[in-house]
Amino acid sequence: MTTYLYIGSSTEKQDVEQQAERLARVYPYDIMVREPNADPGAKPKLDRLLKRLRQGDRLIIKDVSRLGRSIIQAARVAMDLKARGVLLVVDNLESLCNPTLSVFTLIECAAQMDRDLLKDRQAIGIAKARAAGKYKGRKAIPAKLVKKAQSLIAKGMKKKDVASTLNIGESTLYKYLAMARQKES
């Protein structure tokens, strides 16, 4: 088992030395990987380190933001580490969490919350655009196209091939076929 301390920053203003000193005091005998002032979108040393980690290894970081630019990106990295049997220690969460609460669970919950908030904001934006008459949704498929699809299916063509032939998505085809069946009954 090897323990790695990952020290990094995403801007020139962040002080990596403070992170390094804190982690070195708490974990003095571990391998430190420094990546100062990385481009916000690229963290080559972290990427190499993540590939190198093996089952039983430990990765210690100062805070969750070191793993990615969003909580969802950080959750993906955390879940990958969990699946590979790598222990993730987030230094500023260890003091906040009780021992039975997994850091992975905490990151998963935060990512889910982030996704839910995004969906809520998106729904609010769509509602405002509809009220302003700017959002009308997708145009419906013409009835002729649905009839054509029904006739091709009646001739024995597979639905997947029908969707491809008519240049529409397979799920869209199923949706319109179901709507046509409802109208008929």
C-alpha atoms as a PDB file:
ATOM      1  CA  MET A   1       0.000   0.000   0.000  1.00  0.00           C
ATOM      2  CA  THR A   2       1.301   3.405  -1.000  1.00  0.00           C
ATOM      3  CA  THR A   3      -0.059   6.734   0.180  1.00  0.00           C
ATOM      4  CA  TYR A   4       0.077   9.779  -2.097  1.00  0.00           C
ATOM      5  CA  LEU A   5      -0.537  13.370  -1.050  1.00  0.00           C
ATOM      6  CA  TYR A   6      -1.826  15.400  -4.000  1.00  0.00           C
ATOM      7  CA  ILE A   7      -1.168  19.124  -3.740  1.00  0.00           C
ATOM      8  CA  GLY A   8      -2.508  21.294  -6.534  1.00  0.00           C
ATOM      9  CA  SER A   9      -4.073  24.588  -7.436  1.00  0.00           C
ATOM     10  CA  SER A  10      -6.142  25.802 -10.310  1.00  0.00           C
ATOM     11  CA  THR A  11      -5.205  29.485 -10.188  1.00  0.00           C
ATOM     12  CA  GLU A  12      -2.080  31.554  -9.653  1.00  0.00           C
ATOM     13  CA  LYS A  13      -3.619  33.037  -6.478  1.00  0.00           C
ATOM     14  CA  GLN A  14      -3.971  29.752  -4.606  1.00  0.00           C
ATOM     15  CA  ASP A  15      -1.173  28.904  -2.211  1.00  0.00           C
ATOM     16  CA  VAL A  16       0.024  25.341  -2.688  1.00  0.00           C
ATOM     17  CA  GLU A  17       2.684  25.717  -0.013  1.00  0.00           C
ATOM     18  CA  GLN A  18       0.033  26.085   2.684  1.00  0.00           C
ATOM     19  CA  GLN A  19      -1.647  22.880   1.468  1.00  0.00           C
ATOM     20  CA  ALA A  20       1.694  21.091   1.352  1.00  0.00           C
ATOM     21  CA  GLU A  21       2.687  22.159   4.876  1.00  0.00           C
ATOM     22  CA  ARG A  22      -0.664  21.086   6.343  1.00  0.00           C
ATOM     23  CA  LEU A  23      -0.674  17.668   4.695  1.00  0.00           C
ATOM     24  CA  ALA A  24       3.036  17.059   5.383  1.00  0.00           C
ATOM     25  CA  ARG A  25       2.454  17.735   9.109  1.00  0.00           C
ATOM     26  CA  VAL A  26      -0.462  15.299   9.310  1.00  0.00           C
ATOM     27  CA  TYR A  27       0.956  12.673   6.909  1.00  0.00           C
ATOM     28  CA  PRO A  28       4.768  13.062   7.181  1.00  0.00           C
ATOM     29  CA  TYR A  29       5.956   9.811   5.585  1.00  0.00           C
ATOM     30  CA  ASP A  30       3.950   9.749   2.384  1.00  0.00           C
ATOM     31  CA  ILE A  31       4.759  10.543  -1.266  1.00  0.00           C
ATOM     32  CA  MET A  32       3.842  14.109  -2.179  1.00  0.00           C
ATOM     33  CA  VAL A  33       2.796  14.986  -5.733  1.00  0.00           C
ATOM     34  CA  ARG A  34       2.796  18.728  -6.399  1.00  0.00           C
ATOM     35  CA  GLU A  35       1.046  20.429  -9.289  1.00  0.00           C
ATOM     36  CA  PRO A  36       1.232  24.184  -8.721  1.00  0.00           C
ATOM     37  CA  ASN A  37      -0.822  26.643 -10.758  1.00  0.00           C
ATOM     38  CA  ALA A  38      -2.258  24.139 -13.194  1.00  0.00           C
ATOM     39  CA  ASP A  39      -4.382  25.196 -16.123  1.00  0.00           C
ATOM     40  CA  PRO A  40      -7.967  24.964 -14.762  1.00  0.00           C
ATOM     41  CA  GLY A  41      -8.954  22.384 -17.368  1.00  0.00           C
ATOM     42  CA  ALA A  42      -5.781  20.277 -17.283  1.00  0.00           C
ATOM     43  CA  LYS A  43      -4.100  18.519 -14.380  1.00  0.00           C
ATOM     44  CA  PRO A  44      -1.539  16.229 -16.015  1.00  0.00           C
ATOM     45  CA  LYS A  45       0.176  15.178 -12.781  1.00  0.00           C
ATOM     46  CA  LEU A  46      -3.161  14.285 -11.191  1.00  0.00           C
ATOM     47  CA  ASP A  47      -4.169  12.324 -14.300  1.00  0.00           C
ATOM     48  CA  ARG A  48      -0.892  10.352 -14.190  1.00  0.00           C
ATOM     49  CA  LEU A  49      -1.281   9.772 -10.459  1.00  0.00           C
ATOM     50  CA  LEU A  50      -4.871   8.525 -10.839  1.00  0.00           C
ATOM     51  CA  LYS A  51      -3.739   6.012 -13.479  1.00  0.00           C
ATOM     52  CA  ARG A  52      -0.882   4.812 -11.248  1.00  0.00           C
ATOM     53  CA  LEU A  53      -3.045   4.143  -8.168  1.00  0.00           C
ATOM     54  CA  ARG A  54      -3.663   0.475  -7.404  1.00  0.00           C
ATOM     55  CA  GLN A  55      -5.966  -1.425  -5.076  1.00  0.00           C
ATOM     56  CA  GLY A  56      -5.009  -0.768  -1.466  1.00  0.00           C
ATOM     57  CA  ASP A  57      -3.319   2.581  -2.236  1.00  0.00           C
ATOM     58  CA  ARG A  58      -4.418   5.754  -0.503  1.00  0.00           C
ATOM     59  CA  LEU A  59      -4.876   9.222  -2.059  1.00  0.00           C
ATOM     60  CA  ILE A  60      -4.975  12.172   0.305  1.00  0.00           C
ATOM     61  CA  ILE A  61      -6.132  15.588  -0.912  1.00  0.00           C
ATOM     62  CA  LYS A  62      -6.770  18.858   0.911  1.00  0.00           C
ATOM     63  CA  ASP A  63     -10.307  19.335  -0.418  1.00  0.00           C
ATOM     64  CA  VAL A  64     -12.718  17.899  -2.966  1.00  0.00           C
ATOM     65  CA  SER A  65     -12.054  20.690  -5.485  1.00  0.00           C
ATOM     66  CA  ARG A  66      -8.621  19.156  -6.165  1.00  0.00           C
ATOM     67  CA  LEU A  67     -10.337  16.273  -7.995  1.00  0.00           C
ATOM     68  CA  GLY A  68     -12.206  18.354 -10.563  1.00  0.00           C
ATOM     69  CA  ARG A  69     -13.792  21.610 -11.644  1.00  0.00           C
ATOM     70  CA  SER A  70     -17.309  20.515 -10.586  1.00  0.00           C
ATOM     71  CA  ILE A  71     -18.695  18.272  -7.897  1.00  0.00           C
ATOM     72  CA  ILE A  72     -19.948  15.898 -10.597  1.00  0.00           C
ATOM     73  CA  GLN A  73     -16.450  15.606 -12.074  1.00  0.00           C
ATOM     74  CA  ALA A  74     -15.032  15.045  -8.569  1.00  0.00           C
ATOM     75  CA  ALA A  75     -17.709  12.409  -7.901  1.00  0.00           C
ATOM     76  CA  ARG A  76     -16.736  10.542 -11.077  1.00  0.00           C
ATOM     77  CA  VAL A  77     -13.106  10.433  -9.966  1.00  0.00           C
ATOM     78  CA  ALA A  78     -14.108   9.395  -6.443  1.00  0.00           C
ATOM     79  CA  MET A  79     -16.375   6.621  -7.707  1.00  0.00           C
ATOM     80  CA  ASP A  80     -13.634   5.349 -10.031  1.00  0.00           C
ATOM     81  CA  LEU A  81     -11.207   5.233  -7.098  1.00  0.00           C
ATOM     82  CA  LYS A  82     -13.767   3.426  -4.951  1.00  0.00           C
ATOM     83  CA  ALA A  83     -14.385   0.837  -7.682  1.00  0.00           C
ATOM     84  CA  ARG A  84     -10.627   0.240  -7.968  1.00  0.00           C
ATOM     85  CA  GLY A  85     -10.227  -0.211  -4.201  1.00  0.00           C
ATOM     86  CA  VAL A  86      -8.282   3.012  -3.623  1.00  0.00           C
ATOM     87  CA  LEU A  87      -8.950   4.798  -0.328  1.00  0.00           C
ATOM     88  CA  LEU A  88      -9.669   8.511  -0.792  1.00  0.00           C
ATOM     89  CA  VAL A  89      -9.026  10.793   2.157  1.00  0.00           C
ATOM     90  CA  VAL A  90     -10.255  14.384   1.900  1.00  0.00           C
ATOM     91  CA  ASP A  91      -8.357  16.197   4.646  1.00  0.00           C
ATOM     92  CA  ASN A  92     -10.863  18.980   5.324  1.00  0.00           C
ATOM     93  CA  LEU A  93     -13.771  16.500   5.425  1.00  0.00           C
ATOM     94  CA  GLU A  94     -12.149  13.953   7.724  1.00  0.00           C
ATOM     95  CA  SER A  95     -12.628  16.265  10.715  1.00  0.00           C
ATOM     96  CA  LEU A  96     -16.250  16.979   9.748  1.00  0.00           C
ATOM     97  CA  CYS A  97     -17.362  13.397   9.127  1.00  0.00           C
ATOM     98  CA  ASN A  98     -18.071  10.772  11.689  1.00  0.00           C
ATOM     99  CA  PRO A  99     -16.079   7.576  11.111  1.00  0.00           C
ATOM    100  CA  THR A 100     -19.062   5.656   9.731  1.00  0.00           C
ATOM    101  CA  LEU A 101     -19.770   8.210   6.980  1.00  0.00           C
ATOM    102  CA  SER A 102     -17.845   7.415   3.830  1.00  0.00           C
ATOM    103  CA  VAL A 103     -16.219  10.278   1.937  1.00  0.00           C
ATOM    104  CA  PHE A 104     -17.482   8.587  -1.222  1.00  0.00           C
ATOM    105  CA  THR A 105     -21.043   8.752   0.100  1.00  0.00           C
ATOM    106  CA  LEU A 106     -20.647  12.428   0.909  1.00  0.00           C
ATOM    107  CA  ILE A 107     -19.289  13.212  -2.561  1.00  0.00           C
ATOM    108  CA  GLU A 108     -22.079  11.168  -4.203  1.00  0.00           C
ATOM    109  CA  CYS A 109     -24.704  13.095  -2.219  1.00  0.00           C
ATOM    110  CA  ALA A 110     -23.157  16.429  -3.178  1.00  0.00           C
ATOM    111  CA  ALA A 111     -23.050  15.414  -6.863  1.00  0.00           C
ATOM    112  CA  GLN A 112     -26.692  14.330  -6.755  1.00  0.00           C
ATOM    113  CA  MET A 113     -27.634  17.634  -5.129  1.00  0.00           C
ATOM    114  CA  ASP A 114     -25.677  19.485  -7.824  1.00  0.00           C
ATOM    115  CA  ARG A 115     -27.543  17.578 -10.580  1.00  0.00           C
ATOM    116  CA  ASP A 116     -30.913  18.238  -8.915  1.00  0.00           C
ATOM    117  CA  LEU A 117     -30.182  21.954  -8.611  1.00  0.00           C
ATOM    118  CA  LEU A 118     -29.133  22.078 -12.264  1.00  0.00           C
ATOM    119  CA  LYS A 119     -32.402  20.404 -13.338  1.00  0.00           C
ATOM    120  CA  ASP A 120     -34.410  22.824 -11.183  1.00  0.00           C
ATOM    121  CA  ARG A 121     -32.639  25.859 -12.654  1.00  0.00           C
ATOM    122  CA  GLN A 122     -33.160  24.456 -16.153  1.00  0.00           C
ATOM    123  CA  ALA A 123     -36.898  23.934 -15.518  1.00  0.00           C
ATOM    124  CA  ILE A 124     -37.227  27.489 -14.189  1.00  0.00           C
ATOM    125  CA  GLY A 125     -35.439  28.868 -17.261  1.00  0.00           C
ATOM    126  CA  ILE A 126     -37.669  26.885 -19.628  1.00  0.00           C
ATOM    127  CA  ALA A 127     -40.801  28.043 -17.803  1.00  0.00           C
ATOM    128  CA  LYS A 128     -39.691  31.684 -18.101  1.00  0.00           C
ATOM    129  CA  ALA A 129     -38.893  31.253 -21.802  1.00  0.00           C
ATOM    130  CA  ARG A 130     -42.292  29.632 -22.427  1.00  0.00           C
ATOM    131  CA  ALA A 131     -44.039  32.487 -20.607  1.00  0.00           C
ATOM    132  CA  ALA A 132     -42.163  34.932 -22.837  1.00  0.00           C
ATOM    133  CA  GLY A 133     -43.123  32.897 -25.925  1.00  0.00           C
ATOM    134  CA  LYS A 134     -39.506  32.067 -26.756  1.00  0.00           C
ATOM    135  CA  TYR A 135     -39.556  28.338 -26.023  1.00  0.00           C
ATOM    136  CA  LYS A 136     -41.983  26.155 -27.854  1.00  0.00           C
ATOM    137  CA  GLY A 137     -40.226  22.783 -27.678  1.00  0.00           C
ATOM    138  CA  ARG A 138     -39.472  20.493 -30.589  1.00  0.00           C
ATOM    139  CA  LYS A 139     -41.730  20.358 -33.587  1.00  0.00           C
ATOM    140  CA  ALA A 140     -43.859  17.226 -33.839  1.00  0.00           C
ATOM    141  CA  ILE A 141     -43.195  14.641 -36.502  1.00  0.00           C
ATOM    142  CA  PRO A 142     -45.631  14.998 -39.402  1.00  0.00           C
ATOM    143  CA  ALA A 143     -48.553  12.539 -39.383  1.00  0.00           C
ATOM    144  CA  LYS A 144     -47.478  11.345 -42.853  1.00  0.00           C
ATOM    145  CA  LEU A 145     -44.160  10.187 -41.416  1.00  0.00           C
ATOM    146  CA  VAL A 146     -45.895   8.203 -38.653  1.00  0.00           C
ATOM    147  CA  LYS A 147     -48.196   6.549 -41.241  1.00  0.00           C
ATOM    148  CA  LYS A 148     -45.158   5.728 -43.402  1.00  0.00           C
ATOM    149  CA  ALA A 149     -43.478   4.140 -40.353  1.00  0.00           C
ATOM    150  CA  GLN A 150     -46.596   2.085 -39.598  1.00  0.00           C
ATOM    151  CA  SER A 151     -46.778   0.828 -43.190  1.00  0.00           C
ATOM    152  CA  LEU A 152     -43.083  -0.151 -43.222  1.00  0.00           C
ATOM    153  CA  ILE A 153     -43.527  -2.018 -39.938  1.00  0.00           C
ATOM    154  CA  ALA A 154     -46.637  -3.745 -41.331  1.00  0.00           C
ATOM    155  CA  LYS A 155     -44.525  -4.921 -44.284  1.00  0.00           C
ATOM    156  CA  GLY A 156     -42.166  -6.635 -41.823  1.00  0.00           C
ATOM    157  CA  MET A 157     -39.378  -4.069 -41.500  1.00  0.00           C
ATOM    158  CA  LYS A 158     -37.720  -3.909 -38.053  1.00  0.00           C
ATOM    159  CA  LYS A 159     -38.467  -0.773 -36.030  1.00  0.00           C
ATOM    160  CA  LYS A 160     -34.764  -0.007 -35.718  1.00  0.00           C
ATOM    161  CA  ASP A 161     -34.425  -0.049 -39.523  1.00  0.00           C
ATOM    162  CA  VAL A 162     -37.610   2.019 -39.943  1.00  0.00           C
ATOM    163  CA  ALA A 163     -36.222   4.705 -37.615  1.00  0.00           C
ATOM    164  CA  SER A 164     -32.952   4.730 -39.531  1.00  0.00           C
ATOM    165  CA  THR A 165     -34.726   4.871 -42.920  1.00  0.00           C
ATOM    166  CA  LEU A 166     -36.946   7.779 -41.828  1.00  0.00           C
ATOM    167  CA  ASN A 167     -34.012   9.545 -40.155  1.00  0.00           C
ATOM    168  CA  ILE A 168     -35.603   9.733 -36.712  1.00  0.00           C
ATOM    169  CA  GLY A 169     -34.527   8.370 -33.365  1.00  0.00           C
ATOM    170  CA  GLU A 170     -35.671   4.913 -32.377  1.00  0.00           C
ATOM    171  CA  SER A 171     -37.119   6.170 -29.082  1.00  0.00           C
ATOM    172  CA  THR A 172     -38.977   8.902 -30.997  1.00  0.00           C
ATOM    173  CA  LEU A 173     -40.460   6.268 -33.288  1.00  0.00           C
ATOM    174  CA  TYR A 174     -41.676   4.204 -30.329  1.00  0.00           C
ATOM    175  CA  LYS A 175     -43.169   7.313 -28.727  1.00  0.00           C
ATOM    176  CA  TYR A 176     -45.163   8.281 -31.846  1.00  0.00           C
ATOM    177  CA  LEU A 177     -46.286   4.702 -32.484  1.00  0.00           C
ATOM    178  CA  ALA A 178     -47.622   4.518 -28.909  1.00  0.00           C
ATOM    179  CA  MET A 179     -49.424   7.857 -29.355  1.00  0.00           C
ATOM    180  CA  ALA A 180     -50.966   6.581 -32.617  1.00  0.00           C
ATOM    181  CA  ARG A 181     -52.175   3.405 -30.858  1.00  0.00           C
ATOM    182  CA  GLN A 182     -53.787   5.500 -28.108  1.00  0.00           C
ATOM    183  CA  LYS A 183     -55.625   7.625 -30.683  1.00  0.00           C
ATOM    184  CA  GLU A 184     -56.910   4.495 -32.418  1.00  0.00           C
ATOM    185  CA  SER A 185     -58.346   3.006 -29.210  1.00  0.00           C
END
